[in-house]
Amino acid sequence: MTTLPPIALFDMKAQQALIRAEIDRRLASVLDSGRFINGPEVQELEQKLAEFAGCAHAVGVSSGTDALQIAMMGAGIGRGDAVFLPAFTYTATAEVPLVLGATPIFVDVHPGTYNIDIDDLKRRIALVESEGRLRPAAIVGVDLFGLPADWPAIEAICAEKGMFALDDAAQAFGAALHGKRLGRWGHATALSFYPTKTLGCYGDGGALLTDDADRAELWRSLRTHGEGKTRYEVERTGMNGRLDTMQAAILLPKLGLLGDELAARTRIAAAYNQGLAGKVQTPVTTEGAEHAWGLYSILVEDEAARARVQEACKAAGVPTAIYYPKSLHRQPAYAAAHAEGISNAPELPVAEMLCRRIMSLPMHPYLTEAEVARVVAAVAGAV
């Protein structure tokens, strides 16, 4: 048992110490103004998010899940529509199509990138088309753990099929592909500001990014009950999906740190890669991609090896986590939809394999070299 203090899986206190005075000042300003909903800090944040991503418009919303829902509502996704998404990701990506009456079609993922497998995606679109019961309507590309999905391929498929391309970048804000930050790929990009994300608030929050002014205007209406030019003019069915002014005030000083924090995450990932090379399967970065390193996840041999490594890490004061222990098509809430989406749907072997072998290590910008060395030693000594 280690006598050293435990390492944080995610460390928000170190970051807060750098900007606490600015956070306090901004929160006091909101308290003084009393503009707790859609205050000026929301508009300021939207402008700076768009500038950072290099896109034309950002729309603040109440969570990453609501970002996905508002984007799909704006695209008219509903009953009879098939929404293609990776089987290995967080639950929100799958629940939103079901809430809207659409059918999620689970697609296997690439064994190296863990992102949606383009060949399997094409196969499942063809199967849906051949059965003719559902309309291929949308592809949700998840930039898992911070690595951009294959957006040129996804965009090409969507252009050919007339489908909506939605980037679920909840774990990847700040990542880029071929010189373009996420926010400029697809028709819409959904962000989450959950506290542990690359840009996180102190509660729930999210945003949508686009270059399309009409989409942005529609999303602003949808996030506020579908209101029109005045508060009590309701033009469409919407929802309550606004970003709190308090959370915008917290995110503004955090956004100023993001560039340096992304560079720190990249340095830490490189140190992990070097220290763990040949001992476990370390993450990859694809050509032309700038990884955001929202999470650092490795593959070990099997479930027994994972349990052994996790126990050794715990004894050394090194926290670990499993993202994700069960693929979406195996979740009780989605099993029926999976069975109904495609008759005799092909298996999803890579997603199921990852659930048995994957584990995540501490990843945040404030890990010290000594802490990284402790993590590497704990993992390497147990495999």
Protein backbone atom coordinates (compact mmCIF):
# COMPACT_ATOMS: atom_id res chain seq x y z
CA MET A 1 0.00 0.00 0.00
CA THR A 2 1.42 3.37 -1.04
CA THR A 3 2.05 6.16 1.47
CA LEU A 4 2.01 8.77 -1.30
CA PRO A 5 -1.13 10.87 -1.75
CA PRO A 6 -3.57 9.46 -4.31
CA ILE A 7 -3.47 10.82 -7.84
CA ALA A 8 -6.63 12.45 -9.19
CA LEU A 9 -8.33 10.82 -12.16
CA PHE A 10 -9.58 14.31 -13.06
CA ASP A 11 -8.18 17.33 -11.17
CA MET A 12 -10.36 20.44 -11.22
CA LYS A 13 -8.89 22.00 -8.06
CA ALA A 14 -5.48 22.70 -9.62
CA GLN A 15 -7.12 24.51 -12.52
CA GLN A 16 -9.47 26.41 -10.24
CA ALA A 17 -6.55 27.75 -8.20
CA LEU A 18 -5.27 29.55 -11.31
CA ILE A 19 -8.53 31.34 -12.12
CA ARG A 20 -10.48 31.44 -8.86
CA ALA A 21 -10.31 35.23 -8.57
CA GLU A 22 -11.65 35.67 -12.12
CA ILE A 23 -14.41 33.11 -11.51
CA ASP A 24 -15.42 34.86 -8.30
CA ARG A 25 -15.47 38.23 -10.07
CA ARG A 26 -17.63 36.94 -12.90
CA LEU A 27 -20.06 35.13 -10.61
CA ALA A 28 -20.42 38.25 -8.49
CA SER A 29 -21.22 40.21 -11.64
CA VAL A 30 -24.01 37.76 -12.51
CA LEU A 31 -25.39 37.97 -8.96
CA ASP A 32 -25.36 41.75 -9.15
CA SER A 33 -27.06 41.86 -12.54
CA GLY A 34 -29.73 39.28 -11.73
CA ARG A 35 -29.66 38.05 -15.35
CA PHE A 36 -29.48 34.36 -14.57
CA ILE A 37 -30.98 33.16 -17.86
CA ASN A 38 -29.45 34.19 -21.21
CA GLY A 39 -27.38 36.91 -19.60
CA PRO A 40 -24.58 38.72 -21.46
CA GLU A 41 -22.04 36.09 -20.35
CA VAL A 42 -23.86 33.52 -22.50
CA GLN A 43 -23.48 35.65 -25.61
CA GLU A 44 -19.83 36.38 -24.76
CA LEU A 45 -19.13 32.68 -24.33
CA GLU A 46 -20.86 31.81 -27.59
CA GLN A 47 -18.72 34.32 -29.46
CA LYS A 48 -15.48 33.03 -27.93
CA LEU A 49 -16.39 29.37 -28.49
CA ALA A 50 -16.98 30.09 -32.16
CA GLU A 51 -13.69 32.00 -32.39
CA PHE A 52 -11.78 29.15 -30.75
CA ALA A 53 -13.31 26.52 -33.03
CA GLY A 54 -13.02 28.69 -36.13
CA CYS A 55 -16.70 28.37 -36.96
CA ALA A 56 -19.32 31.04 -37.53
CA HIS A 57 -21.85 30.28 -34.80
CA ALA A 58 -22.06 28.77 -31.30
CA VAL A 59 -25.28 28.25 -29.38
CA GLY A 60 -25.06 27.55 -25.65
CA VAL A 61 -27.39 24.85 -24.30
CA SER A 62 -28.06 23.11 -21.02
CA SER A 63 -26.06 19.88 -21.55
CA GLY A 64 -24.29 17.77 -24.13
CA THR A 65 -27.34 15.53 -24.34
CA ASP A 66 -29.58 18.50 -25.05
CA ALA A 67 -27.11 19.64 -27.70
CA LEU A 68 -27.60 16.32 -29.50
CA GLN A 69 -31.37 16.53 -29.11
CA ILE A 70 -31.70 20.10 -30.32
CA ALA A 71 -29.51 19.33 -33.34
CA MET A 72 -31.62 16.30 -34.27
CA MET A 73 -34.88 18.17 -33.67
CA GLY A 74 -33.61 20.91 -35.96
CA ALA A 75 -32.87 18.31 -38.64
CA GLY A 76 -36.38 16.86 -38.35
CA ILE A 77 -35.24 13.47 -37.06
CA GLY A 78 -38.18 11.39 -35.87
CA ARG A 79 -40.31 8.32 -36.36
CA GLY A 80 -39.29 6.12 -39.26
CA ASP A 81 -35.75 7.48 -39.32
CA ALA A 82 -32.59 5.43 -38.80
CA VAL A 83 -29.77 7.17 -36.93
CA PHE A 84 -26.40 5.43 -37.28
CA LEU A 85 -24.01 5.69 -34.35
CA PRO A 86 -21.14 3.74 -32.77
CA ALA A 87 -22.03 0.87 -30.44
CA PHE A 88 -19.12 1.81 -28.19
CA THR A 89 -19.78 5.21 -26.64
CA TYR A 90 -21.74 6.93 -23.87
CA THR A 91 -25.47 6.34 -23.53
CA ALA A 92 -26.58 9.87 -24.47
CA THR A 93 -25.71 9.30 -28.12
CA ALA A 94 -28.25 6.48 -28.34
CA GLU A 95 -31.01 7.75 -26.08
CA VAL A 96 -31.65 10.96 -28.02
CA PRO A 97 -32.85 9.26 -31.24
CA LEU A 98 -35.18 7.08 -29.17
CA VAL A 99 -36.61 10.08 -27.32
CA LEU A 100 -37.42 11.60 -30.71
CA GLY A 101 -39.04 8.39 -31.96
CA ALA A 102 -36.20 7.45 -34.33
CA THR A 103 -34.34 4.13 -34.35
CA PRO A 104 -30.65 3.96 -33.41
CA ILE A 105 -28.62 1.65 -35.65
CA PHE A 106 -25.52 0.52 -33.79
CA VAL A 107 -22.33 0.36 -35.84
CA ASP A 108 -19.13 -1.42 -34.87
CA VAL A 109 -15.97 0.56 -34.20
CA HIS A 110 -12.41 0.40 -35.47
CA PRO A 111 -10.13 -1.71 -33.24
CA GLY A 112 -7.38 0.92 -33.31
CA THR A 113 -9.20 4.24 -33.11
CA TYR A 114 -12.36 3.03 -31.28
CA ASN A 115 -14.31 5.40 -33.55
CA ILE A 116 -17.07 4.39 -35.93
CA ASP A 117 -15.92 1.83 -38.52
CA ILE A 118 -16.62 3.27 -41.96
CA ASP A 119 -16.87 -0.11 -43.73
CA ASP A 120 -19.35 -1.42 -41.17
CA LEU A 121 -21.27 1.85 -41.39
CA LYS A 122 -21.66 1.45 -45.14
CA ARG A 123 -22.76 -2.17 -44.70
CA ARG A 124 -25.47 -1.27 -42.18
CA ILE A 125 -26.77 1.63 -44.27
CA ALA A 126 -27.10 -0.78 -47.19
CA LEU A 127 -28.99 -3.26 -45.00
CA VAL A 128 -31.43 -0.60 -43.83
CA GLU A 129 -31.95 0.53 -47.41
CA SER A 130 -32.56 -3.03 -48.62
CA GLU A 131 -35.16 -3.70 -45.93
CA GLY A 132 -36.97 -0.43 -46.68
CA ARG A 133 -38.63 -0.05 -43.28
CA LEU A 134 -36.55 2.92 -42.12
CA ARG A 135 -35.08 5.97 -43.82
CA PRO A 136 -31.32 6.42 -43.37
CA ALA A 137 -31.51 9.92 -41.89
CA ALA A 138 -28.41 10.72 -39.85
CA ILE A 139 -24.92 9.64 -38.82
CA VAL A 140 -23.60 10.57 -35.40
CA GLY A 141 -19.82 10.47 -35.47
CA VAL A 142 -18.38 10.35 -31.94
CA ASP A 143 -14.81 11.63 -31.45
CA LEU A 144 -14.20 9.07 -28.75
CA PHE A 145 -11.79 9.96 -25.95
CA GLY A 146 -10.75 13.05 -27.95
CA LEU A 147 -9.71 11.52 -31.30
CA PRO A 148 -11.58 12.95 -34.31
CA ALA A 149 -13.67 10.46 -36.24
CA ASP A 150 -13.11 9.99 -39.98
CA TRP A 151 -15.05 13.09 -40.93
CA PRO A 152 -14.16 13.25 -44.61
CA ALA A 153 -15.60 9.75 -45.04
CA ILE A 154 -18.70 10.51 -42.93
CA GLU A 155 -19.34 13.74 -44.81
CA ALA A 156 -19.00 11.95 -48.15
CA ILE A 157 -21.55 9.30 -47.15
CA CYS A 158 -23.98 11.93 -45.88
CA ALA A 159 -23.64 13.97 -49.06
CA GLU A 160 -24.29 10.89 -51.21
CA LYS A 161 -27.27 9.70 -49.18
CA GLY A 162 -28.78 13.03 -48.18
CA MET A 163 -28.18 12.34 -44.49
CA PHE A 164 -27.55 14.65 -41.54
CA ALA A 165 -23.95 14.59 -40.22
CA LEU A 166 -23.79 15.25 -36.47
CA ASP A 167 -20.47 15.41 -34.64
CA ASP A 168 -20.71 14.28 -31.02
CA ALA A 169 -17.54 16.00 -29.78
CA ALA A 170 -18.44 15.77 -26.08
CA GLN A 171 -15.00 14.37 -25.22
CA ALA A 172 -13.03 16.24 -27.83
CA PHE A 173 -13.43 20.01 -27.80
CA GLY A 174 -10.14 21.45 -29.01
CA ALA A 175 -9.29 18.53 -31.29
CA ALA A 176 -8.68 19.12 -34.98
CA LEU A 177 -8.55 17.17 -38.22
CA HIS A 178 -6.58 18.24 -41.30
CA GLY A 179 -6.13 21.70 -39.85
CA LYS A 180 -9.82 22.23 -39.02
CA ARG A 181 -10.93 22.19 -35.39
CA LEU A 182 -14.00 20.16 -34.52
CA GLY A 183 -16.93 22.48 -34.96
CA ARG A 184 -16.38 22.84 -38.69
CA TRP A 185 -16.98 19.22 -39.67
CA GLY A 186 -20.43 17.86 -40.50
CA HIS A 187 -23.62 19.88 -40.33
CA ALA A 188 -23.48 20.37 -36.56
CA THR A 189 -21.12 19.74 -33.65
CA ALA A 190 -22.42 18.99 -30.16
CA LEU A 191 -20.29 19.82 -27.11
CA SER A 192 -20.63 18.85 -23.46
CA PHE A 193 -19.32 21.02 -20.64
CA TYR A 194 -19.71 18.33 -17.97
CA PRO A 195 -17.05 19.08 -15.33
CA THR A 196 -14.57 16.41 -16.49
CA LYS A 197 -14.54 17.41 -20.18
CA THR A 198 -11.65 19.24 -21.85
CA LEU A 199 -13.70 22.39 -21.23
CA GLY A 200 -15.95 21.79 -18.25
CA CYS A 201 -18.22 23.93 -16.10
CA TYR A 202 -19.31 23.30 -12.50
CA GLY A 203 -22.57 21.60 -13.38
CA ASP A 204 -24.22 20.71 -16.67
CA GLY A 205 -23.78 22.68 -19.87
CA GLY A 206 -23.21 22.26 -23.58
CA ALA A 207 -23.15 24.01 -26.93
CA LEU A 208 -23.76 23.54 -30.63
CA LEU A 209 -21.35 24.76 -33.31
CA THR A 210 -22.02 25.38 -37.00
CA ASP A 211 -21.20 27.58 -39.97
CA ASP A 212 -24.89 27.65 -40.94
CA ALA A 213 -26.68 30.81 -39.74
CA ASP A 214 -30.15 29.35 -40.33
CA ARG A 215 -29.36 26.29 -38.19
CA ALA A 216 -28.03 28.46 -35.38
CA GLU A 217 -31.18 30.62 -35.44
CA LEU A 218 -33.37 27.52 -35.34
CA TRP A 219 -31.41 26.05 -32.41
CA ARG A 220 -31.83 29.28 -30.43
CA SER A 221 -35.57 28.95 -30.89
CA LEU A 222 -35.64 25.24 -30.02
CA ARG A 223 -33.61 25.72 -26.83
CA THR A 224 -36.22 28.25 -25.61
CA HIS A 225 -39.50 26.36 -26.06
CA GLY A 226 -39.65 27.10 -29.79
CA GLU A 227 -40.25 30.81 -29.27
CA GLY A 228 -40.23 33.21 -32.18
CA LYS A 229 -39.30 36.87 -32.30
CA THR A 230 -41.00 37.53 -28.95
CA ARG A 231 -41.08 35.47 -25.77
CA TYR A 232 -44.73 34.48 -26.05
CA GLU A 233 -44.78 33.78 -29.77
CA VAL A 234 -44.32 30.02 -30.11
CA GLU A 235 -43.46 28.98 -33.66
CA ARG A 236 -42.53 25.32 -33.12
CA THR A 237 -42.32 22.60 -30.50
CA GLY A 238 -39.10 23.16 -28.60
CA MET A 239 -37.69 22.42 -25.17
CA ASN A 240 -36.09 24.12 -22.19
CA GLY A 241 -32.46 23.75 -23.15
CA ARG A 242 -30.79 27.03 -22.20
CA LEU A 243 -27.29 27.41 -20.76
CA ASP A 244 -27.33 29.03 -17.32
CA THR A 245 -25.57 32.39 -17.13
CA MET A 246 -23.66 31.20 -14.04
CA GLN A 247 -22.13 28.32 -15.99
CA ALA A 248 -21.20 30.63 -18.87
CA ALA A 249 -19.45 32.90 -16.36
CA ILE A 250 -17.43 29.92 -15.11
CA LEU A 251 -16.57 28.69 -18.61
CA LEU A 252 -15.20 32.02 -19.82
CA PRO A 253 -12.02 32.04 -17.70
CA LYS A 254 -11.62 28.30 -18.24
CA LEU A 255 -11.69 28.81 -22.02
CA GLY A 256 -8.68 31.10 -21.68
CA LEU A 257 -6.65 28.18 -20.31
CA LEU A 258 -7.74 25.64 -22.90
CA GLY A 259 -4.92 26.07 -25.42
CA ASP A 260 -2.20 25.47 -22.83
CA GLU A 261 -4.18 22.64 -21.27
CA LEU A 262 -4.52 20.84 -24.60
CA ALA A 263 -0.75 21.08 -25.07
CA ALA A 264 -0.22 19.66 -21.57
CA ARG A 265 -2.59 16.77 -22.27
CA THR A 266 -0.63 15.98 -25.43
CA ARG A 267 2.67 15.93 -23.50
CA ILE A 268 1.21 13.65 -20.84
CA ALA A 269 -0.22 11.27 -23.45
CA ALA A 270 3.19 11.10 -25.14
CA ALA A 271 4.82 10.21 -21.81
CA TYR A 272 2.24 7.50 -21.20
CA ASN A 273 2.76 6.15 -24.71
CA GLN A 274 6.51 5.98 -24.23
CA GLY A 275 6.36 4.43 -20.78
CA LEU A 276 3.73 1.82 -21.65
CA ALA A 277 4.91 0.87 -25.14
CA GLY A 278 5.12 -2.90 -25.51
CA LYS A 279 3.30 -3.52 -22.23
CA VAL A 280 -0.30 -2.63 -23.17
CA GLN A 281 -2.05 -1.43 -26.31
CA THR A 282 -1.75 2.34 -26.18
CA PRO A 283 -4.04 4.79 -28.05
CA VAL A 284 -3.37 5.81 -31.62
CA THR A 285 -3.55 9.17 -33.35
CA THR A 286 -4.61 9.04 -36.98
CA GLU A 287 -2.91 10.94 -39.79
CA GLY A 288 -3.90 14.59 -39.84
CA ALA A 289 -5.57 14.44 -36.43
CA GLU A 290 -4.84 16.53 -33.35
CA HIS A 291 -6.07 14.49 -30.38
CA ALA A 292 -7.70 16.37 -27.50
CA TRP A 293 -6.94 13.56 -25.02
CA GLY A 294 -10.19 13.92 -23.13
CA LEU A 295 -9.44 10.43 -21.81
CA TYR A 296 -6.38 8.19 -22.00
CA SER A 297 -7.50 4.59 -22.47
CA ILE A 298 -5.43 1.44 -22.85
CA LEU A 299 -6.21 -2.15 -23.75
CA VAL A 300 -5.04 -5.05 -21.60
CA GLU A 301 -5.26 -8.74 -22.41
CA ASP A 302 -8.66 -9.61 -20.95
CA GLU A 303 -11.04 -8.97 -18.06
CA ALA A 304 -8.88 -10.89 -15.59
CA ALA A 305 -5.83 -8.84 -16.54
CA ARG A 306 -7.85 -5.64 -16.22
CA ALA A 307 -9.02 -6.55 -12.73
CA ARG A 308 -5.44 -7.33 -11.74
CA VAL A 309 -4.09 -4.05 -13.12
CA GLN A 310 -6.88 -2.03 -11.53
CA GLU A 311 -6.22 -3.60 -8.13
CA ALA A 312 -2.49 -2.91 -8.40
CA CYS A 313 -3.17 0.68 -9.41
CA LYS A 314 -5.57 1.16 -6.51
CA ALA A 315 -2.91 -0.07 -4.07
CA ALA A 316 -0.47 2.46 -5.57
CA GLY A 317 -2.93 5.34 -5.22
CA VAL A 318 -3.62 5.42 -8.95
CA PRO A 319 -7.32 5.64 -9.89
CA THR A 320 -8.65 3.97 -13.02
CA ALA A 321 -12.02 3.75 -14.75
CA ILE A 322 -13.74 1.66 -17.39
CA TYR A 323 -15.25 3.58 -20.31
CA TYR A 324 -17.32 1.53 -21.18
CA PRO A 325 -18.14 -1.79 -19.50
CA LYS A 326 -21.09 -2.61 -21.77
CA SER A 327 -21.68 -1.74 -25.41
CA LEU A 328 -24.86 0.11 -26.25
CA HIS A 329 -26.56 -2.74 -28.10
CA ARG A 330 -26.24 -4.84 -24.93
CA GLN A 331 -27.86 -2.22 -22.71
CA PRO A 332 -31.37 -3.27 -21.57
CA ALA A 333 -32.81 0.09 -22.61
CA TYR A 334 -31.61 -0.30 -26.21
CA ALA A 335 -31.78 -4.05 -26.82
CA ALA A 336 -35.24 -3.92 -28.35
CA ALA A 337 -34.33 -1.06 -30.67
CA HIS A 338 -31.22 -2.94 -31.76
CA ALA A 339 -33.23 -6.05 -32.55
CA GLU A 340 -35.82 -4.06 -34.51
CA GLY A 341 -33.41 -1.82 -36.43
CA ILE A 342 -32.02 -4.43 -38.83
CA SER A 343 -33.37 -7.97 -39.19
CA ASN A 344 -30.64 -10.41 -38.14
CA ALA A 345 -28.24 -7.54 -37.55
CA PRO A 346 -24.54 -8.41 -37.92
CA GLU A 347 -22.57 -8.87 -34.73
CA LEU A 348 -20.52 -6.05 -33.19
CA PRO A 349 -17.37 -7.93 -32.13
CA VAL A 350 -14.97 -5.01 -31.74
CA ALA A 351 -17.30 -3.06 -29.47
CA GLU A 352 -17.78 -6.12 -27.28
CA MET A 353 -14.04 -6.82 -27.21
CA LEU A 354 -13.28 -3.29 -26.06
CA CYS A 355 -15.73 -3.60 -23.19
CA ARG A 356 -13.74 -6.57 -21.88
CA ARG A 357 -10.28 -5.07 -22.26
CA ILE A 358 -10.38 -1.28 -22.00
CA MET A 359 -9.44 0.85 -19.01
CA SER A 360 -8.70 4.54 -18.56
CA LEU A 361 -5.83 6.13 -16.64
CA PRO A 362 -5.63 9.55 -14.97
CA MET A 363 -5.72 12.30 -17.58
CA HIS A 364 -5.81 16.01 -16.86
CA PRO A 365 -3.48 18.91 -17.69
CA TYR A 366 -2.04 19.20 -14.19
CA LEU A 367 -0.46 15.77 -13.80
CA THR A 368 3.19 16.09 -12.78
CA GLU A 369 6.05 14.10 -14.27
CA ALA A 370 6.32 12.21 -10.99
CA GLU A 371 2.64 11.33 -11.05
CA VAL A 372 2.85 10.14 -14.65
CA ALA A 373 5.82 7.97 -13.68
CA ARG A 374 3.79 6.49 -10.80
CA VAL A 375 0.93 5.63 -13.13
CA VAL A 376 3.28 4.00 -15.65
CA ALA A 377 5.04 2.01 -12.94
CA ALA A 378 1.78 0.78 -11.43
CA VAL A 379 0.39 -0.40 -14.79
CA ALA A 380 3.65 -1.84 -16.11
CA GLY A 381 4.27 -3.74 -12.88
CA ALA A 382 0.89 -5.47 -13.04
CA VAL A 383 0.56 -6.54 -16.67
